[in-house]
Amino acid sequence: MTEAKKTEEKALTKRQQQIIAAALDIVATIGMHNLTIKTLAAKISVTEGALYRHFKSKNENLSGIAELFRNSS
């Protein structure tokens, strides 16, 4: 794997963590039922389409949140 590819993968991981953190903030603030791709995109100032580059769906994002909790324990 090239160094550029490794850097790109790390950047994706960092961005995914930012998305997950924003999703957690939304859930804590306004509840799970109000977590939408639209509200999440607005929270981190990206387009809705950009979110789908990192997570294919809201459910995949939620899986990321669950993984974050598992790793923090």
C-alpha atoms as a PDB file:
ATOM      1  CA  MET A   1       0.000   0.000   0.000  1.00  0.00           C
ATOM      2  CA  THR A   2       1.337   3.419  -0.896  1.00  0.00           C
ATOM      3  CA  GLU A   3       1.956   6.118   1.682  1.00  0.00           C
ATOM      4  CA  ALA A   4      -0.678   8.325   0.027  1.00  0.00           C
ATOM      5  CA  LYS A   5      -3.266   5.544   0.354  1.00  0.00           C
ATOM      6  CA  LYS A   6      -2.411   5.059   4.043  1.00  0.00           C
ATOM      7  CA  THR A   7      -2.796   8.793   4.647  1.00  0.00           C
ATOM      8  CA  GLU A   8      -6.142   8.798   2.833  1.00  0.00           C
ATOM      9  CA  GLU A   9      -7.419   5.891   4.951  1.00  0.00           C
ATOM     10  CA  LYS A  10      -6.370   7.671   8.152  1.00  0.00           C
ATOM     11  CA  ALA A  11      -8.165  10.816   6.983  1.00  0.00           C
ATOM     12  CA  LEU A  12     -11.317   8.819   6.324  1.00  0.00           C
ATOM     13  CA  THR A  13     -11.098   7.311   9.783  1.00  0.00           C
ATOM     14  CA  LYS A  14     -10.661  10.742  11.351  1.00  0.00           C
ATOM     15  CA  ARG A  15     -13.602  12.122   9.356  1.00  0.00           C
ATOM     16  CA  GLN A  16     -15.741   9.136  10.329  1.00  0.00           C
ATOM     17  CA  GLN A  17     -14.930   9.836  13.962  1.00  0.00           C
ATOM     18  CA  GLN A  18     -16.001  13.464  13.475  1.00  0.00           C
ATOM     19  CA  ILE A  19     -19.268  12.319  11.929  1.00  0.00           C
ATOM     20  CA  ILE A  20     -19.907   9.875  14.751  1.00  0.00           C
ATOM     21  CA  ALA A  21     -19.155  12.537  17.369  1.00  0.00           C
ATOM     22  CA  ALA A  22     -21.606  14.909  15.689  1.00  0.00           C
ATOM     23  CA  ALA A  23     -24.238  12.168  15.571  1.00  0.00           C
ATOM     24  CA  LEU A  24     -23.746  11.505  19.282  1.00  0.00           C
ATOM     25  CA  ASP A  25     -24.162  15.200  19.999  1.00  0.00           C
ATOM     26  CA  ILE A  26     -27.408  15.306  18.007  1.00  0.00           C
ATOM     27  CA  VAL A  27     -28.757  12.246  19.796  1.00  0.00           C
ATOM     28  CA  ALA A  28     -27.832  13.694  23.200  1.00  0.00           C
ATOM     29  CA  THR A  29     -29.361  17.057  22.359  1.00  0.00           C
ATOM     30  CA  ILE A  30     -32.522  16.361  20.380  1.00  0.00           C
ATOM     31  CA  GLY A  31     -32.947  12.599  20.509  1.00  0.00           C
ATOM     32  CA  MET A  32     -32.400   9.616  18.295  1.00  0.00           C
ATOM     33  CA  HIS A  33     -35.629  10.129  16.378  1.00  0.00           C
ATOM     34  CA  ASN A  34     -34.333  13.511  15.170  1.00  0.00           C
ATOM     35  CA  LEU A  35     -31.005  12.176  13.901  1.00  0.00           C
ATOM     36  CA  THR A  36     -31.297  12.462  10.146  1.00  0.00           C
ATOM     37  CA  ILE A  37     -28.719  12.631   7.406  1.00  0.00           C
ATOM     38  CA  LYS A  38     -29.867  16.212   6.812  1.00  0.00           C
ATOM     39  CA  THR A  39     -29.362  17.325  10.432  1.00  0.00           C
ATOM     40  CA  LEU A  40     -26.049  15.498  10.638  1.00  0.00           C
ATOM     41  CA  ALA A  41     -24.756  17.086   7.429  1.00  0.00           C
ATOM     42  CA  ALA A  42     -25.793  20.530   8.665  1.00  0.00           C
ATOM     43  CA  LYS A  43     -24.079  19.939  12.019  1.00  0.00           C
ATOM     44  CA  ILE A  44     -20.692  19.311  10.399  1.00  0.00           C
ATOM     45  CA  SER A  45     -21.183  21.664   7.436  1.00  0.00           C
ATOM     46  CA  VAL A  46     -21.025  19.118   4.627  1.00  0.00           C
ATOM     47  CA  THR A  47     -23.477  18.021   1.972  1.00  0.00           C
ATOM     48  CA  GLU A  48     -25.704  15.041   2.580  1.00  0.00           C
ATOM     49  CA  GLY A  49     -23.953  13.288  -0.296  1.00  0.00           C
ATOM     50  CA  ALA A  50     -20.583  13.740   1.384  1.00  0.00           C
ATOM     51  CA  LEU A  51     -21.827  11.763   4.394  1.00  0.00           C
ATOM     52  CA  TYR A  52     -22.603   8.808   2.164  1.00  0.00           C
ATOM     53  CA  ARG A  53     -18.930   8.656   1.189  1.00  0.00           C
ATOM     54  CA  HIS A  54     -18.174   7.656   4.771  1.00  0.00           C
ATOM     55  CA  PHE A  55     -21.359   5.852   5.804  1.00  0.00           C
ATOM     56  CA  LYS A  56     -23.779   4.215   3.384  1.00  0.00           C
ATOM     57  CA  SER A  57     -26.794   4.792   5.612  1.00  0.00           C
ATOM     58  CA  LYS A  58     -28.033   6.099   8.945  1.00  0.00           C
ATOM     59  CA  ASN A  59     -27.873   2.529  10.249  1.00  0.00           C
ATOM     60  CA  GLU A  60     -24.204   2.243   9.313  1.00  0.00           C
ATOM     61  CA  ASN A  61     -23.575   5.512  11.144  1.00  0.00           C
ATOM     62  CA  LEU A  62     -25.320   4.075  14.200  1.00  0.00           C
ATOM     63  CA  SER A  63     -23.114   1.010  13.975  1.00  0.00           C
ATOM     64  CA  GLY A  64     -20.151   3.386  14.083  1.00  0.00           C
ATOM     65  CA  ILE A  65     -21.537   4.965  17.241  1.00  0.00           C
ATOM     66  CA  ALA A  66     -21.923   1.538  18.836  1.00  0.00           C
ATOM     67  CA  GLU A  67     -18.339   0.676  17.859  1.00  0.00           C
ATOM     68  CA  LEU A  68     -17.116   3.921  19.420  1.00  0.00           C
ATOM     69  CA  PHE A  69     -18.782   2.945  22.712  1.00  0.00           C
ATOM     70  CA  ARG A  70     -17.277  -0.558  22.569  1.00  0.00           C
ATOM     71  CA  ASN A  71     -13.795   0.844  21.996  1.00  0.00           C
ATOM     72  CA  SER A  72     -14.092   3.393  24.800  1.00  0.00           C
ATOM     73  CA  SER A  73     -14.993   0.771  27.410  1.00  0.00           C
END
